[in-house]
C-alpha atoms as a PDB file:
ATOM      1  CA  MET A   1      15.132   9.775  35.769  1.00  0.00           C
ATOM      2  CA  GLN A   2      18.048  10.306  33.404  1.00  0.00           C
ATOM      3  CA  ASP A   3      19.755   7.192  34.819  1.00  0.00           C
ATOM      4  CA  VAL A   4      16.574   5.171  34.248  1.00  0.00           C
ATOM      5  CA  PHE A   5      16.371   6.426  30.656  1.00  0.00           C
ATOM      6  CA  ARG A   6      20.002   5.497  30.044  1.00  0.00           C
ATOM      7  CA  GLU A   7      19.515   1.987  31.481  1.00  0.00           C
ATOM      8  CA  VAL A   8      16.425   1.376  29.340  1.00  0.00           C
ATOM      9  CA  VAL A   9      18.097   2.610  26.155  1.00  0.00           C
ATOM     10  CA  GLU A  10      21.279   0.638  26.861  1.00  0.00           C
ATOM     11  CA  ILE A  11      19.428  -2.694  26.902  1.00  0.00           C
ATOM     12  CA  ALA A  12      17.241  -1.805  23.890  1.00  0.00           C
ATOM     13  CA  PRO A  13      17.824  -4.157  20.897  1.00  0.00           C
ATOM     14  CA  PHE A  14      17.664  -1.289  18.392  1.00  0.00           C
ATOM     15  CA  PRO A  15      20.232   1.470  17.740  1.00  0.00           C
ATOM     16  CA  ALA A  16      19.416   4.768  19.439  1.00  0.00           C
ATOM     17  CA  LEU A  17      21.161   8.096  19.855  1.00  0.00           C
ATOM     18  CA  LEU A  18      20.695  11.641  21.135  1.00  0.00           C
ATOM     19  CA  HIS A  19      21.683  14.743  19.191  1.00  0.00           C
ATOM     20  CA  ASN A  20      21.772  18.427  20.031  1.00  0.00           C
ATOM     21  CA  GLU A  21      20.248  21.328  18.101  1.00  0.00           C
ATOM     22  CA  ILE A  22      22.978  21.313  15.432  1.00  0.00           C
ATOM     23  CA  GLY A  23      22.792  17.544  14.906  1.00  0.00           C
ATOM     24  CA  VAL A  24      25.883  16.547  16.896  1.00  0.00           C
ATOM     25  CA  ILE A  25      25.633  13.082  18.485  1.00  0.00           C
ATOM     26  CA  VAL A  26      25.948  13.341  22.266  1.00  0.00           C
ATOM     27  CA  TYR A  27      24.966   9.765  23.123  1.00  0.00           C
ATOM     28  CA  ALA A  28      24.775   6.383  21.313  1.00  0.00           C
ATOM     29  CA  ASN A  29      23.686   3.086  22.857  1.00  0.00           C
ATOM     30  CA  LYS A  30      25.294  -0.366  22.682  1.00  0.00           C
ATOM     31  CA  ALA A  31      23.000  -1.507  19.865  1.00  0.00           C
ATOM     32  CA  PHE A  32      24.267   1.389  17.715  1.00  0.00           C
ATOM     33  CA  GLU A  33      27.812   0.137  18.246  1.00  0.00           C
ATOM     34  CA  ARG A  34      26.827  -3.455  17.449  1.00  0.00           C
ATOM     35  CA  VAL A  35      24.845  -2.704  14.256  1.00  0.00           C
ATOM     36  CA  PHE A  36      27.125  -0.077  12.713  1.00  0.00           C
ATOM     37  CA  GLY A  37      30.493  -1.195  14.102  1.00  0.00           C
ATOM     38  CA  TYR A  38      31.560   2.152  15.576  1.00  0.00           C
ATOM     39  CA  SER A  39      32.730   2.549  19.135  1.00  0.00           C
ATOM     40  CA  ARG A  40      30.995   5.306  21.049  1.00  0.00           C
ATOM     41  CA  GLU A  41      34.147   7.350  21.036  1.00  0.00           C
ATOM     42  CA  GLU A  42      34.119   7.255  17.231  1.00  0.00           C
ATOM     43  CA  VAL A  43      30.619   8.703  16.888  1.00  0.00           C
ATOM     44  CA  LEU A  44      30.314  11.065  19.839  1.00  0.00           C
ATOM     45  CA  GLN A  45      30.635  14.702  18.790  1.00  0.00           C
ATOM     46  CA  ARG A  46      30.138  13.761  15.122  1.00  0.00           C
ATOM     47  CA  ILE A  47      27.284  15.239  13.143  1.00  0.00           C
ATOM     48  CA  PHE A  48      24.770  12.442  12.519  1.00  0.00           C
ATOM     49  CA  VAL A  49      24.013  13.373   8.911  1.00  0.00           C
ATOM     50  CA  GLU A  50      27.696  12.808   8.068  1.00  0.00           C
ATOM     51  CA  LEU A  51      26.891   9.089   8.449  1.00  0.00           C
ATOM     52  CA  VAL A  52      23.828   9.343   6.236  1.00  0.00           C
ATOM     53  CA  HIS A  53      23.934   8.619   2.506  1.00  0.00           C
ATOM     54  CA  PRO A  54      24.277  11.893   0.550  1.00  0.00           C
ATOM     55  CA  ARG A  55      20.936  11.308  -1.189  1.00  0.00           C
ATOM     56  CA  ASP A  56      19.177  11.098   2.196  1.00  0.00           C
ATOM     57  CA  ARG A  57      20.913  13.902   4.073  1.00  0.00           C
ATOM     58  CA  GLU A  58      18.414  16.631   3.284  1.00  0.00           C
ATOM     59  CA  LYS A  59      15.563  14.372   4.357  1.00  0.00           C
ATOM     60  CA  ALA A  60      17.337  13.540   7.643  1.00  0.00           C
ATOM     61  CA  GLU A  61      18.232  17.173   8.373  1.00  0.00           C
ATOM     62  CA  ASN A  62      14.659  18.350   7.798  1.00  0.00           C
ATOM     63  CA  ALA A  63      13.249  15.613  10.029  1.00  0.00           C
ATOM     64  CA  MET A  64      15.715  16.346  12.831  1.00  0.00           C
ATOM     65  CA  ARG A  65      14.969  20.068  12.669  1.00  0.00           C
ATOM     66  CA  ARG A  66      11.211  19.504  12.724  1.00  0.00           C
ATOM     67  CA  GLY A  67      11.513  17.002  15.571  1.00  0.00           C
ATOM     68  CA  LEU A  68      13.463  19.457  17.720  1.00  0.00           C
ATOM     69  CA  ALA A  69      10.786  22.067  17.007  1.00  0.00           C
ATOM     70  CA  GLY A  70       8.168  19.728  18.458  1.00  0.00           C
ATOM     71  CA  GLU A  71       6.519  18.756  15.178  1.00  0.00           C
ATOM     72  CA  THR A  72       5.284  15.212  14.581  1.00  0.00           C
ATOM     73  CA  VAL A  73       7.619  13.403  12.187  1.00  0.00           C
ATOM     74  CA  GLU A  74       6.349  10.231  10.544  1.00  0.00           C
ATOM     75  CA  PRO A  75       8.835   7.309  10.376  1.00  0.00           C
ATOM     76  CA  PHE A  76      10.967   7.404   7.237  1.00  0.00           C
ATOM     77  CA  LEU A  77      13.699   5.380   5.518  1.00  0.00           C
ATOM     78  CA  ILE A  78      17.326   6.430   5.034  1.00  0.00           C
ATOM     79  CA  LYS A  79      20.679   4.715   4.510  1.00  0.00           C
ATOM     80  CA  VAL A  80      23.330   5.004   7.244  1.00  0.00           C
ATOM     81  CA  ARG A  81      27.005   4.134   6.696  1.00  0.00           C
ATOM     82  CA  GLY A  82      28.662   1.599   8.978  1.00  0.00           C
ATOM     83  CA  LYS A  83      32.315   1.564   9.968  1.00  0.00           C
ATOM     84  CA  ASP A  84      32.988  -0.985   7.198  1.00  0.00           C
ATOM     85  CA  GLY A  85      31.857   1.581   4.618  1.00  0.00           C
ATOM     86  CA  ASN A  86      28.645  -0.268   3.727  1.00  0.00           C
ATOM     87  CA  TYR A  87      25.275   1.411   4.052  1.00  0.00           C
ATOM     88  CA  ARG A  88      22.405  -0.120   5.983  1.00  0.00           C
ATOM     89  CA  THR A  89      18.787   0.795   5.328  1.00  0.00           C
ATOM     90  CA  VAL A  90      17.045   1.920   8.500  1.00  0.00           C
ATOM     91  CA  GLN A  91      13.619   3.182   9.432  1.00  0.00           C
ATOM     92  CA  VAL A  92      13.949   6.287  11.580  1.00  0.00           C
ATOM     93  CA  PHE A  93      11.721   7.115  14.547  1.00  0.00           C
ATOM     94  CA  GLY A  94      12.245  10.506  16.142  1.00  0.00           C
ATOM     95  CA  SER A  95      11.181  12.479  19.186  1.00  0.00           C
ATOM     96  CA  ARG A  96      12.675  15.021  21.588  1.00  0.00           C
ATOM     97  CA  ALA A  97      13.246  15.389  25.325  1.00  0.00           C
ATOM     98  CA  ARG A  98      14.715  17.859  27.814  1.00  0.00           C
ATOM     99  CA  PHE A  99      17.949  16.830  29.522  1.00  0.00           C
ATOM    100  CA  MET A 100      19.837  19.063  31.956  1.00  0.00           C
ATOM    101  CA  GLY A 101      17.854  22.052  30.694  1.00  0.00           C
ATOM    102  CA  GLU A 102      18.680  21.328  27.017  1.00  0.00           C
ATOM    103  CA  ILE A 103      16.320  20.116  24.300  1.00  0.00           C
ATOM    104  CA  LEU A 104      17.816  17.043  22.605  1.00  0.00           C
ATOM    105  CA  GLY A 105      16.594  15.013  19.674  1.00  0.00           C
ATOM    106  CA  ILE A 106      15.988  11.283  20.155  1.00  0.00           C
ATOM    107  CA  ILE A 107      16.564   8.980  17.195  1.00  0.00           C
ATOM    108  CA  ALA A 108      15.724   5.266  17.189  1.00  0.00           C
ATOM    109  CA  LEU A 109      16.701   3.177  14.168  1.00  0.00           C
ATOM    110  CA  SER A 110      15.158  -0.070  12.955  1.00  0.00           C
ATOM    111  CA  ASP A 111      17.475  -2.005  10.634  1.00  0.00           C
ATOM    112  CA  VAL A 112      15.404  -3.066   7.616  1.00  0.00           C
ATOM    113  CA  THR A 113      18.295  -3.835   5.253  1.00  0.00           C
ATOM    114  CA  LYS A 114      17.240  -7.454   4.693  1.00  0.00           C
ATOM    115  CA  LEU A 115      13.649  -6.423   4.082  1.00  0.00           C
ATOM    116  CA  GLU A 116      14.827  -3.887   1.504  1.00  0.00           C
ATOM    117  CA  GLU A 117      16.927  -6.529  -0.243  1.00  0.00           C
ATOM    118  CA  GLN A 118      13.920  -8.868  -0.319  1.00  0.00           C
ATOM    119  CA  LYS A 119      11.770  -6.053  -1.682  1.00  0.00           C
ATOM    120  CA  VAL A 120      14.251  -5.440  -4.507  1.00  0.00           C
ATOM    121  CA  MET A 121      14.263  -9.151  -5.397  1.00  0.00           C
ATOM    122  CA  LEU A 122      10.463  -9.309  -5.251  1.00  0.00           C
ATOM    123  CA  THR A 123      10.282  -6.257  -7.517  1.00  0.00           C
ATOM    124  CA  LEU A 124      12.560  -7.926 -10.068  1.00  0.00           C
ATOM    125  CA  ILE A 125      10.457 -11.107  -9.997  1.00  0.00           C
ATOM    126  CA  THR A 126       7.241  -9.103 -10.363  1.00  0.00           C
ATOM    127  CA  ARG A 127       8.630  -7.189 -13.332  1.00  0.00           C
ATOM    128  CA  ALA A 128       9.706 -10.400 -15.034  1.00  0.00           C
ATOM    129  CA  LEU A 129       6.323 -12.026 -14.487  1.00  0.00           C
ATOM    130  CA  ARG A 130       4.517  -8.909 -15.656  1.00  0.00           C
ATOM    131  CA  HIS A 131       6.605  -8.843 -18.832  1.00  0.00           C
ATOM    132  CA  ASP A 132       5.987 -12.527 -19.599  1.00  0.00           C
ATOM    133  CA  VAL A 133       2.260 -12.395 -18.879  1.00  0.00           C
ATOM    134  CA  LEU A 134       1.861  -9.259 -20.969  1.00  0.00           C
ATOM    135  CA  ASN A 135       3.608 -10.960 -23.884  1.00  0.00           C
ATOM    136  CA  ALA A 136       1.301 -13.959 -23.564  1.00  0.00           C
ATOM    137  CA  LEU A 137      -1.767 -11.714 -23.488  1.00  0.00           C
ATOM    138  CA  THR A 138      -0.546  -9.793 -26.523  1.00  0.00           C
ATOM    139  CA  THR A 139      -0.296 -13.083 -28.422  1.00  0.00           C
ATOM    140  CA  ALA A 140      -3.765 -14.087 -27.200  1.00  0.00           C
ATOM    141  CA  MET A 141      -5.148 -10.775 -28.435  1.00  0.00           C
ATOM    142  CA  SER A 142      -3.625 -11.382 -31.869  1.00  0.00           C
ATOM    143  CA  TYR A 143      -5.364 -14.765 -32.112  1.00  0.00           C
ATOM    144  CA  PHE A 144      -8.588 -13.171 -30.901  1.00  0.00           C
ATOM    145  CA  GLU A 145      -8.454 -10.552 -33.664  1.00  0.00           C
ATOM    146  CA  ILE A 146      -7.905 -13.282 -36.278  1.00  0.00           C
ATOM    147  CA  SER A 147     -10.796 -15.341 -34.864  1.00  0.00           C
ATOM    148  CA  ARG A 148     -13.079 -12.327 -34.875  1.00  0.00           C
ATOM    149  CA  GLU A 149     -12.350 -11.695 -38.560  1.00  0.00           C
ATOM    150  CA  ILE A 150     -13.012 -15.324 -39.421  1.00  0.00           C
ATOM    151  CA  CYS A 151     -16.195 -15.472 -37.375  1.00  0.00           C
ATOM    152  CA  LYS A 152     -17.828 -12.099 -38.077  1.00  0.00           C
ATOM    153  CA  ASN A 153     -21.222 -13.659 -38.709  1.00  0.00           C
ATOM    154  CA  CYS A 154     -20.910 -16.682 -36.443  1.00  0.00           C
ATOM    155  CA  GLU A 155     -23.738 -17.546 -34.107  1.00  0.00           C
ATOM    156  CA  ASN A 156     -21.478 -17.347 -31.041  1.00  0.00           C
ATOM    157  CA  SER A 157     -19.594 -14.162 -31.962  1.00  0.00           C
ATOM    158  CA  ASN A 158     -20.903 -12.590 -28.741  1.00  0.00           C
ATOM    159  CA  TYR A 159     -18.651 -14.937 -26.785  1.00  0.00           C
ATOM    160  CA  LEU A 160     -15.681 -13.745 -28.789  1.00  0.00           C
ATOM    161  CA  GLU A 161     -16.464 -10.151 -27.853  1.00  0.00           C
ATOM    162  CA  LYS A 162     -16.572 -11.143 -24.182  1.00  0.00           C
ATOM    163  CA  LEU A 163     -13.242 -12.915 -24.618  1.00  0.00           C
ATOM    164  CA  GLY A 164     -11.748  -9.781 -26.160  1.00  0.00           C
ATOM    165  CA  LEU A 165     -13.039  -7.660 -23.281  1.00  0.00           C
ATOM    166  CA  SER A 166     -11.506 -10.074 -20.753  1.00  0.00           C
ATOM    167  CA  ILE A 167      -8.122  -9.985 -22.499  1.00  0.00           C
ATOM    168  CA  GLU A 168      -8.182  -6.170 -22.602  1.00  0.00           C
ATOM    169  CA  ARG A 169      -8.992  -6.084 -18.898  1.00  0.00           C
ATOM    170  CA  ALA A 170      -6.121  -8.456 -18.096  1.00  0.00           C
ATOM    171  CA  VAL A 171      -3.716  -6.282 -20.127  1.00  0.00           C
ATOM    172  CA  LYS A 172      -4.937  -3.205 -18.246  1.00  0.00           C
ATOM    173  CA  ILE A 173      -4.420  -4.917 -14.872  1.00  0.00           C
ATOM    174  CA  ILE A 174      -0.851  -5.918 -15.764  1.00  0.00           C
ATOM    175  CA  LYS A 175       0.010  -2.389 -16.922  1.00  0.00           C
ATOM    176  CA  ASP A 176      -1.531  -0.866 -13.791  1.00  0.00           C
ATOM    177  CA  LEU A 177       0.584  -3.149 -11.616  1.00  0.00           C
ATOM    178  CA  ARG A 178       3.611  -1.082 -12.595  1.00  0.00           C
ATOM    179  CA  GLU A 179       2.081   2.098 -11.175  1.00  0.00           C
ATOM    180  CA  PHE A 180       0.990   0.221  -8.058  1.00  0.00           C
ATOM    181  CA  GLU A 181       4.460  -1.233  -7.572  1.00  0.00           C
ATOM    182  CA  GLU A 182       6.050   2.215  -7.888  1.00  0.00           C
ATOM    183  CA  ALA A 183       3.562   3.658  -5.385  1.00  0.00           C
ATOM    184  CA  VAL A 184       4.274   0.936  -2.819  1.00  0.00           C
ATOM    185  CA  VAL A 185       8.058   1.262  -3.217  1.00  0.00           C
ATOM    186  CA  LYS A 186       7.778   5.027  -2.810  1.00  0.00           C
ATOM    187  CA  GLY A 187       5.648   4.421   0.266  1.00  0.00           C
ATOM    188  CA  GLU A 188       3.747   7.667  -0.048  1.00  0.00           C
ATOM    189  CA  LEU A 189      -0.014   8.123  -0.260  1.00  0.00           C
ATOM    190  CA  GLU A 190      -1.506  10.815  -2.458  1.00  0.00           C
ATOM    191  CA  ARG A 191      -4.679  12.563  -3.527  1.00  0.00           C
ATOM    192  CA  ILE A 192      -6.908  10.144  -5.465  1.00  0.00           C
ATOM    193  CA  ASN A 193     -10.231  10.888  -7.182  1.00  0.00           C
ATOM    194  CA  VAL A 194     -12.329   7.800  -6.415  1.00  0.00           C
ATOM    195  CA  ARG A 195     -14.870   8.361  -9.183  1.00  0.00           C
ATOM    196  CA  GLU A 196     -12.155   8.450 -11.853  1.00  0.00           C
ATOM    197  CA  ILE A 197     -10.728   5.149 -10.599  1.00  0.00           C
ATOM    198  CA  VAL A 198     -14.157   3.477 -10.436  1.00  0.00           C
ATOM    199  CA  GLU A 199     -15.156   4.668 -13.918  1.00  0.00           C
ATOM    200  CA  ASP A 200     -11.920   3.367 -15.427  1.00  0.00           C
ATOM    201  CA  VAL A 201     -12.276  -0.043 -13.760  1.00  0.00           C
ATOM    202  CA  ALA A 202     -15.979  -0.288 -14.650  1.00  0.00           C
ATOM    203  CA  ASP A 203     -15.208   0.128 -18.371  1.00  0.00           C
ATOM    204  CA  HIS A 204     -13.594  -3.319 -18.395  1.00  0.00           C
ATOM    205  CA  PHE A 205     -16.575  -5.304 -17.081  1.00  0.00           C
ATOM    206  CA  ASN A 206     -19.496  -6.558 -19.140  1.00  0.00           C
ATOM    207  CA  VAL A 207     -22.300  -5.867 -16.632  1.00  0.00           C
ATOM    208  CA  PRO A 208     -23.911  -2.433 -16.134  1.00  0.00           C
ATOM    209  CA  ILE A 209     -22.125  -0.452 -13.398  1.00  0.00           C
ATOM    210  CA  THR A 210     -23.728   2.836 -12.356  1.00  0.00           C
ATOM    211  CA  ILE A 211     -21.765   5.405 -10.338  1.00  0.00           C
ATOM    212  CA  GLU A 212     -23.144   8.155  -8.119  1.00  0.00           C
ATOM    213  CA  GLY A 213     -21.266  10.845  -6.202  1.00  0.00           C
ATOM    214  CA  GLU A 214     -17.618  11.883  -6.023  1.00  0.00           C
ATOM    215  CA  CYS A 215     -14.849  11.771  -3.407  1.00  0.00           C
ATOM    216  CA  GLU A 216     -11.153  12.526  -3.078  1.00  0.00           C
ATOM    217  CA  VAL A 217      -9.253  10.290  -0.679  1.00  0.00           C
ATOM    218  CA  VAL A 218      -5.782   9.533   0.685  1.00  0.00           C
ATOM    219  CA  ALA A 219      -4.596   6.446  -1.232  1.00  0.00           C
ATOM    220  CA  ASP A 220      -2.469   5.398  -4.217  1.00  0.00           C
ATOM    221  CA  ARG A 221      -2.979   3.688  -7.585  1.00  0.00           C
ATOM    222  CA  GLY A 222      -3.491   0.384  -5.789  1.00  0.00           C
ATOM    223  CA  LEU A 223      -7.044   1.549  -5.112  1.00  0.00           C
ATOM    224  CA  ARG A 224      -7.881   0.147  -8.566  1.00  0.00           C
ATOM    225  CA  ALA A 225      -7.308  -3.363  -7.208  1.00  0.00           C
ATOM    226  CA  VAL A 226      -9.957  -2.764  -4.522  1.00  0.00           C
ATOM    227  CA  PHE A 227     -12.679  -2.161  -7.101  1.00  0.00           C
ATOM    228  CA  GLU A 228     -11.336  -4.780  -9.534  1.00  0.00           C
ATOM    229  CA  ASN A 229     -11.765  -7.405  -6.837  1.00  0.00           C
ATOM    230  CA  LEU A 230     -15.105  -6.155  -5.498  1.00  0.00           C
ATOM    231  CA  PHE A 231     -16.639  -6.062  -9.003  1.00  0.00           C
ATOM    232  CA  GLN A 232     -15.179  -9.448  -9.940  1.00  0.00           C
ATOM    233  CA  ASN A 233     -16.417 -10.930  -6.660  1.00  0.00           C
ATOM    234  CA  ALA A 234     -19.953  -9.625  -7.258  1.00  0.00           C
ATOM    235  CA  ILE A 235     -20.042 -11.087 -10.786  1.00  0.00           C
ATOM    236  CA  GLN A 236     -18.176 -14.357 -10.304  1.00  0.00           C
ATOM    237  CA  HIS A 237     -19.435 -15.358  -6.865  1.00  0.00           C
ATOM    238  CA  GLY A 238     -22.584 -13.260  -6.423  1.00  0.00           C
ATOM    239  CA  LYS A 239     -23.823 -13.829  -9.998  1.00  0.00           C
ATOM    240  CA  THR A 240     -25.149 -10.267 -10.093  1.00  0.00           C
ATOM    241  CA  ASP A 241     -26.429  -8.764 -13.342  1.00  0.00           C
ATOM    242  CA  ARG A 242     -25.668  -5.174 -12.323  1.00  0.00           C
ATOM    243  CA  ILE A 243     -23.610  -3.165  -9.832  1.00  0.00           C
ATOM    244  CA  GLU A 244     -24.159   0.246  -8.270  1.00  0.00           C
ATOM    245  CA  VAL A 245     -21.432   2.359  -6.684  1.00  0.00           C
ATOM    246  CA  THR A 246     -22.268   5.327  -4.477  1.00  0.00           C
ATOM    247  CA  MET A 247     -19.840   7.601  -2.679  1.00  0.00           C
ATOM    248  CA  LYS A 248     -20.139  10.578  -0.364  1.00  0.00           C
ATOM    249  CA  ASN A 249     -18.175  12.391   2.326  1.00  0.00           C
ATOM    250  CA  VAL A 250     -19.128  11.445   5.877  1.00  0.00           C
ATOM    251  CA  GLY A 251     -17.166  13.539   8.366  1.00  0.00           C
ATOM    252  CA  ASP A 252     -13.446  12.973   7.783  1.00  0.00           C
ATOM    253  CA  PHE A 253     -14.094   9.948   5.592  1.00  0.00           C
ATOM    254  CA  CYS A 254     -15.359   9.095   2.141  1.00  0.00           C
ATOM    255  CA  GLU A 255     -17.924   6.288   2.331  1.00  0.00           C
ATOM    256  CA  ILE A 256     -18.093   4.144  -0.802  1.00  0.00           C
ATOM    257  CA  ARG A 257     -20.800   1.513  -1.195  1.00  0.00           C
ATOM    258  CA  VAL A 258     -20.466  -1.231  -3.824  1.00  0.00           C
ATOM    259  CA  ILE A 259     -23.947  -2.701  -4.225  1.00  0.00           C
ATOM    260  CA  ASP A 260     -24.838  -5.877  -6.098  1.00  0.00           C
ATOM    261  CA  TYR A 261     -28.070  -7.797  -6.660  1.00  0.00           C
ATOM    262  CA  GLY A 262     -26.719 -11.318  -6.709  1.00  0.00           C
ATOM    263  CA  LYS A 263     -26.974 -14.276  -4.354  1.00  0.00           C
ATOM    264  CA  GLY A 264     -25.681 -12.404  -1.333  1.00  0.00           C
ATOM    265  CA  ILE A 265     -23.241 -13.693   1.291  1.00  0.00           C
ATOM    266  CA  PRO A 266     -24.397 -16.364   3.785  1.00  0.00           C
ATOM    267  CA  GLU A 267     -24.510 -15.081   7.353  1.00  0.00           C
ATOM    268  CA  GLU A 268     -22.279 -17.892   8.634  1.00  0.00           C
ATOM    269  CA  ILE A 269     -19.282 -16.831   6.506  1.00  0.00           C
ATOM    270  CA  LYS A 270     -19.479 -13.034   6.731  1.00  0.00           C
ATOM    271  CA  ASP A 271     -16.859 -12.937   9.478  1.00  0.00           C
ATOM    272  CA  ASN A 272     -14.442 -15.027   7.385  1.00  0.00           C
ATOM    273  CA  ILE A 273     -14.568 -13.593   3.870  1.00  0.00           C
ATOM    274  CA  PHE A 274     -11.666 -11.182   4.440  1.00  0.00           C
ATOM    275  CA  GLU A 275      -9.355 -13.894   5.814  1.00  0.00           C
ATOM    276  CA  GLU A 276      -6.345 -14.952   3.759  1.00  0.00           C
ATOM    277  CA  GLY A 277      -7.010 -18.169   1.852  1.00  0.00           C
ATOM    278  CA  PHE A 278     -10.708 -18.396   2.774  1.00  0.00           C
ATOM    279  CA  THR A 279     -12.792 -19.997   0.024  1.00  0.00           C
ATOM    280  CA  TYR A 280     -16.443 -20.966  -0.211  1.00  0.00           C
ATOM    281  CA  GLY A 281     -18.853 -22.497  -2.734  1.00  0.00           C
ATOM    282  CA  GLU A 282     -18.512 -23.904  -6.226  1.00  0.00           C
ATOM    283  CA  ALA A 283     -17.008 -20.722  -7.691  1.00  0.00           C
ATOM    284  CA  ALA A 284     -14.256 -20.563  -5.029  1.00  0.00           C
ATOM    285  CA  SER A 285     -10.848 -19.400  -6.247  1.00  0.00           C
ATOM    286  CA  THR A 286      -7.617 -18.672  -4.335  1.00  0.00           C
ATOM    287  CA  GLY A 287      -9.147 -16.860  -1.386  1.00  0.00           C
ATOM    288  CA  GLN A 288      -6.805 -13.912  -1.894  1.00  0.00           C
ATOM    289  CA  GLY A 289      -9.091 -11.300  -3.499  1.00  0.00           C
ATOM    290  CA  LEU A 290     -11.021  -9.951  -0.523  1.00  0.00           C
ATOM    291  CA  TYR A 291      -7.983 -10.402   1.716  1.00  0.00           C
ATOM    292  CA  LEU A 292      -6.029  -8.127  -0.647  1.00  0.00           C
ATOM    293  CA  VAL A 293      -8.908  -5.631  -0.610  1.00  0.00           C
ATOM    294  CA  LYS A 294      -8.881  -5.506   3.198  1.00  0.00           C
ATOM    295  CA  LYS A 295      -5.099  -5.071   3.411  1.00  0.00           C
ATOM    296  CA  LEU A 296      -5.127  -2.257   0.832  1.00  0.00           C
ATOM    297  CA  VAL A 297      -7.967  -0.433   2.579  1.00  0.00           C
ATOM    298  CA  GLU A 298      -6.111  -0.737   5.896  1.00  0.00           C
ATOM    299  CA  ARG A 299      -2.930   0.559   4.216  1.00  0.00           C
ATOM    300  CA  TYR A 300      -4.875   3.719   3.420  1.00  0.00           C
ATOM    301  CA  GLY A 301      -6.059   4.062   7.025  1.00  0.00           C
ATOM    302  CA  GLY A 302      -9.584   2.944   6.152  1.00  0.00           C
ATOM    303  CA  GLU A 303     -11.943   0.075   6.910  1.00  0.00           C
ATOM    304  CA  ILE A 304     -14.292  -2.257   5.036  1.00  0.00           C
ATOM    305  CA  ARG A 305     -17.368  -4.257   6.001  1.00  0.00           C
ATOM    306  CA  VAL A 306     -20.139  -6.183   4.250  1.00  0.00           C
ATOM    307  CA  GLU A 307     -23.911  -5.795   4.638  1.00  0.00           C
ATOM    308  CA  ASP A 308     -26.982  -7.418   3.119  1.00  0.00           C
ATOM    309  CA  ASN A 309     -28.706  -5.705   0.227  1.00  0.00           C
ATOM    310  CA  SER A 310     -32.493  -5.602  -0.068  1.00  0.00           C
ATOM    311  CA  PRO A 311     -34.206  -7.568  -1.488  1.00  0.00           C
ATOM    312  CA  ARG A 312     -31.094  -9.619  -2.388  1.00  0.00           C
ATOM    313  CA  GLY A 313     -27.378  -9.264  -2.889  1.00  0.00           C
ATOM    314  CA  ALA A 314     -24.538  -7.720  -0.900  1.00  0.00           C
ATOM    315  CA  VAL A 315     -23.171  -4.276  -0.115  1.00  0.00           C
ATOM    316  CA  PHE A 316     -19.462  -3.744   0.535  1.00  0.00           C
ATOM    317  CA  VAL A 317     -18.946  -0.524   2.496  1.00  0.00           C
ATOM    318  CA  VAL A 318     -15.476   1.026   2.164  1.00  0.00           C
ATOM    319  CA  ARG A 319     -14.504   4.003   4.333  1.00  0.00           C
ATOM    320  CA  LEU A 320     -11.343   5.878   3.329  1.00  0.00           C
ATOM    321  CA  ARG A 321      -9.778   9.015   4.758  1.00  0.00           C
ATOM    322  CA  ALA A 322     -10.963  12.043   2.818  1.00  0.00           C
ATOM    323  CA  TRP A 323      -8.305  14.260   1.247  1.00  0.00           C
ATOM    324  CA  VAL A 324      -8.080  17.535   3.174  1.00  0.00           C
ATOM    325  CA  GLY A 325      -4.842  18.932   1.724  1.00  0.00           C
ATOM    326  CA  GLU A 326      -4.488  21.802  -0.672  1.00  0.00           C
END
């Protein structure tokens, strides 16, 4: 069995190694040599964390210790130094096995250096765009304030107020993107009060939105974008004049229902509305909104579906994992 294991690991395209209870490398496969440039002789009997970036060593040590103890360790990112002195970003997958009567840790590494570089570039582009758009919105708000002063008693001043509300909402979205970006980069989910998020988002829409119930879920600040898109979809496409949001714990999940009283969703397109780029009807836009909603909900380990409302309209049902931590 050990020979079979060795043969399988030797032909694996990803770096893999075995370490003992004090973290000493006792085996490294060919892919480890190829990716990091070391010969096996150069890494055998070395302590693995010596190759890890100093900032990540504590994280690696804790994960290795927990893995040897039989605990489940979720994949995590660290930087590992190659023979050329450069660090590569890798995602670490760990387990343990018994060999010759000894418990050894198994580490498999997925090289994500290029993905990390792309993520950094995308972050820089996003920050630049956010800065420029925010500047443009700030200018638009200044013109709005001037127009409102000029047109205090105008017949159509109500439209100006709606314009001001839309600009404020756009500014809020841009500012919230920073928190969302930081949450995604960090890659960690946290305890989120759904009602607080929904109330904050609802304040920036000009139709009545009633909220019932309360839930705490496993998510991040990107949850705002879920409700931003669901509310906007109900108003822009459904033409609803009001929205209701209910939430309650159902087993290990929080079930959130976003209910509108608009035109509803035709039966023939219900299976397509969450697809990337799908558009329908005169008010069609980019086809990204509900796709983004679905991907975010799935990121949180949840699910989303759509139902008919009675007598008219649609109900989006979002199920998210309930927070059960301290």
